[in-house]
Amino acid sequence: MFDKWQKILTPDQFEKELNNVVYNEIKPVIDKHEQALAKNGTGFYVGDKMTLADIHATISVPLLNHKGILMSKETHPHLFALHDKLSANETFQAEAKRYPPMS
């Protein structure tokens, strides 16, 4: 999506539109995820065991944290704790190694 924008927008327009998407669309969703994890209180989204929702969030945290400015361990401690917990899980690590990093 952003590649297309870069081709048709000036650099200033692109930066303005990117900031709009990041702060007005992505950040509110990230904040809701933090709230959901805090509300459950177990460190997971549902119950007290890893689910697909937890896996998806763990994979998404680095992808959505545009330039490292949307979230930190201080502002979103539950998301980062989940990310750290699953990233340390041997099964999760083995599965993640099956897929090459996106370039």
C-alpha atoms as a PDB file:
ATOM      1  CA  MET A   1       0.000   0.000   0.000  1.00  0.00           C
ATOM      2  CA  PHE A   2       2.699   2.500   0.971  1.00  0.00           C
ATOM      3  CA  ASP A   3       4.744   1.792  -2.158  1.00  0.00           C
ATOM      4  CA  LYS A   4       1.872   3.023  -4.311  1.00  0.00           C
ATOM      5  CA  TRP A   5       1.567   6.157  -2.202  1.00  0.00           C
ATOM      6  CA  GLN A   6       5.251   6.945  -2.609  1.00  0.00           C
ATOM      7  CA  LYS A   7       4.857   6.887  -6.377  1.00  0.00           C
ATOM      8  CA  ILE A   8       1.990   9.380  -6.502  1.00  0.00           C
ATOM      9  CA  LEU A   9       2.605  11.647  -3.503  1.00  0.00           C
ATOM     10  CA  THR A  10       5.311  14.164  -2.812  1.00  0.00           C
ATOM     11  CA  PRO A  11       7.601  13.233   0.105  1.00  0.00           C
ATOM     12  CA  ASP A  12       5.788  15.715   2.365  1.00  0.00           C
ATOM     13  CA  GLN A  13       2.368  14.386   1.356  1.00  0.00           C
ATOM     14  CA  PHE A  14       3.549  10.826   1.874  1.00  0.00           C
ATOM     15  CA  GLU A  15       4.876  11.561   5.362  1.00  0.00           C
ATOM     16  CA  LYS A  16       1.658  13.354   6.302  1.00  0.00           C
ATOM     17  CA  GLU A  17      -0.516  10.473   5.050  1.00  0.00           C
ATOM     18  CA  LEU A  18       1.691   7.865   6.702  1.00  0.00           C
ATOM     19  CA  ASN A  19       1.488   9.681  10.033  1.00  0.00           C
ATOM     20  CA  ASN A  20      -2.278   9.911   9.654  1.00  0.00           C
ATOM     21  CA  VAL A  21      -2.586   6.154   9.128  1.00  0.00           C
ATOM     22  CA  VAL A  22      -0.122   5.294  11.869  1.00  0.00           C
ATOM     23  CA  TYR A  23      -1.601   7.529  14.557  1.00  0.00           C
ATOM     24  CA  ASN A  24      -5.290   7.537  13.640  1.00  0.00           C
ATOM     25  CA  GLU A  25      -5.773   3.965  12.453  1.00  0.00           C
ATOM     26  CA  ILE A  26      -3.006   1.684  13.687  1.00  0.00           C
ATOM     27  CA  LYS A  27      -2.291   3.139  17.134  1.00  0.00           C
ATOM     28  CA  PRO A  28      -5.912   2.956  18.382  1.00  0.00           C
ATOM     29  CA  VAL A  29      -6.001  -0.736  17.431  1.00  0.00           C
ATOM     30  CA  ILE A  30      -2.731  -1.391  19.247  1.00  0.00           C
ATOM     31  CA  ASP A  31      -4.099   0.407  22.311  1.00  0.00           C
ATOM     32  CA  LYS A  32      -7.209  -1.805  22.295  1.00  0.00           C
ATOM     33  CA  HIS A  33      -5.020  -4.899  22.180  1.00  0.00           C
ATOM     34  CA  GLU A  34      -3.090  -3.662  25.206  1.00  0.00           C
ATOM     35  CA  GLN A  35      -6.379  -3.108  27.040  1.00  0.00           C
ATOM     36  CA  ALA A  36      -7.637  -6.598  26.153  1.00  0.00           C
ATOM     37  CA  LEU A  37      -4.489  -8.241  27.471  1.00  0.00           C
ATOM     38  CA  ALA A  38      -4.618  -6.167  30.648  1.00  0.00           C
ATOM     39  CA  LYS A  39      -8.285  -7.032  31.174  1.00  0.00           C
ATOM     40  CA  ASN A  40      -7.733 -10.785  30.880  1.00  0.00           C
ATOM     41  CA  GLY A  41      -4.919 -10.612  33.416  1.00  0.00           C
ATOM     42  CA  THR A  42      -3.295 -13.917  32.441  1.00  0.00           C
ATOM     43  CA  GLY A  43      -0.803 -12.599  29.913  1.00  0.00           C
ATOM     44  CA  PHE A  44      -2.852 -14.096  27.085  1.00  0.00           C
ATOM     45  CA  TYR A  45      -5.858 -12.851  25.131  1.00  0.00           C
ATOM     46  CA  VAL A  46      -8.161 -15.757  25.986  1.00  0.00           C
ATOM     47  CA  GLY A  47      -7.877 -17.980  29.030  1.00  0.00           C
ATOM     48  CA  ASP A  48      -4.470 -18.842  30.381  1.00  0.00           C
ATOM     49  CA  LYS A  49      -2.893 -20.607  27.403  1.00  0.00           C
ATOM     50  CA  MET A  50      -1.439 -19.532  24.085  1.00  0.00           C
ATOM     51  CA  THR A  51      -3.968 -19.193  21.268  1.00  0.00           C
ATOM     52  CA  LEU A  52      -3.816 -18.078  17.665  1.00  0.00           C
ATOM     53  CA  ALA A  53      -4.634 -14.536  18.805  1.00  0.00           C
ATOM     54  CA  ASP A  54      -1.494 -14.500  20.944  1.00  0.00           C
ATOM     55  CA  ILE A  55       0.624 -15.811  18.088  1.00  0.00           C
ATOM     56  CA  HIS A  56      -0.773 -13.236  15.680  1.00  0.00           C
ATOM     57  CA  ALA A  57      -0.107 -10.394  18.116  1.00  0.00           C
ATOM     58  CA  THR A  58       3.445 -11.584  18.728  1.00  0.00           C
ATOM     59  CA  ILE A  59       4.166 -11.610  15.018  1.00  0.00           C
ATOM     60  CA  SER A  60       2.443  -8.255  14.488  1.00  0.00           C
ATOM     61  CA  VAL A  61       4.132  -6.213  17.218  1.00  0.00           C
ATOM     62  CA  PRO A  62       7.383  -5.614  15.314  1.00  0.00           C
ATOM     63  CA  LEU A  63       5.545  -5.123  12.027  1.00  0.00           C
ATOM     64  CA  LEU A  64       3.142  -2.522  13.392  1.00  0.00           C
ATOM     65  CA  ASN A  65       5.572  -0.635  15.576  1.00  0.00           C
ATOM     66  CA  HIS A  66       6.447   1.851  12.834  1.00  0.00           C
ATOM     67  CA  LYS A  67       9.942   3.217  13.486  1.00  0.00           C
ATOM     68  CA  GLY A  68       9.570   2.085  17.099  1.00  0.00           C
ATOM     69  CA  ILE A  69       7.358   5.066  17.893  1.00  0.00           C
ATOM     70  CA  LEU A  70       3.932   3.505  18.425  1.00  0.00           C
ATOM     71  CA  MET A  71       4.631   1.389  21.442  1.00  0.00           C
ATOM     72  CA  SER A  72       7.249   0.581  24.003  1.00  0.00           C
ATOM     73  CA  LYS A  73       7.555  -1.652  27.032  1.00  0.00           C
ATOM     74  CA  GLU A  74       6.522   1.341  29.101  1.00  0.00           C
ATOM     75  CA  THR A  75       3.410   2.280  27.119  1.00  0.00           C
ATOM     76  CA  HIS A  76       2.271  -1.242  26.178  1.00  0.00           C
ATOM     77  CA  PRO A  77       3.713  -3.584  28.815  1.00  0.00           C
ATOM     78  CA  HIS A  78       1.220  -6.397  28.228  1.00  0.00           C
ATOM     79  CA  LEU A  79       1.859  -6.573  24.482  1.00  0.00           C
ATOM     80  CA  PHE A  80       5.605  -6.592  25.001  1.00  0.00           C
ATOM     81  CA  ALA A  81       5.353  -9.193  27.769  1.00  0.00           C
ATOM     82  CA  LEU A  82       3.320 -11.433  25.461  1.00  0.00           C
ATOM     83  CA  HIS A  83       5.806 -10.859  22.640  1.00  0.00           C
ATOM     84  CA  ASP A  84       8.734 -11.703  24.917  1.00  0.00           C
ATOM     85  CA  LYS A  85       6.991 -14.767  26.374  1.00  0.00           C
ATOM     86  CA  LEU A  86       6.085 -16.271  23.020  1.00  0.00           C
ATOM     87  CA  SER A  87       9.379 -15.314  21.398  1.00  0.00           C
ATOM     88  CA  ALA A  88      11.145 -17.339  24.103  1.00  0.00           C
ATOM     89  CA  ASN A  89       8.888 -20.368  23.540  1.00  0.00           C
ATOM     90  CA  GLU A  90      10.813 -23.178  21.802  1.00  0.00           C
ATOM     91  CA  THR A  91       7.844 -24.331  19.736  1.00  0.00           C
ATOM     92  CA  PHE A  92       7.135 -20.791  18.589  1.00  0.00           C
ATOM     93  CA  GLN A  93      10.810 -20.267  17.706  1.00  0.00           C
ATOM     94  CA  ALA A  94      10.942 -23.495  15.709  1.00  0.00           C
ATOM     95  CA  GLU A  95       7.829 -22.569  13.770  1.00  0.00           C
ATOM     96  CA  ALA A  96       9.083 -19.035  13.103  1.00  0.00           C
ATOM     97  CA  LYS A  97      12.325 -20.421  11.657  1.00  0.00           C
ATOM     98  CA  ARG A  98      10.339 -22.278   9.012  1.00  0.00           C
ATOM     99  CA  TYR A  99       9.471 -18.999   7.324  1.00  0.00           C
ATOM    100  CA  PRO A 100      12.075 -16.660   5.886  1.00  0.00           C
ATOM    101  CA  PRO A 101      11.977 -13.032   7.006  1.00  0.00           C
ATOM    102  CA  MET A 102      10.049 -10.679   4.768  1.00  0.00           C
ATOM    103  CA  SER A 103      12.229  -8.351   2.766  1.00  0.00           C
END
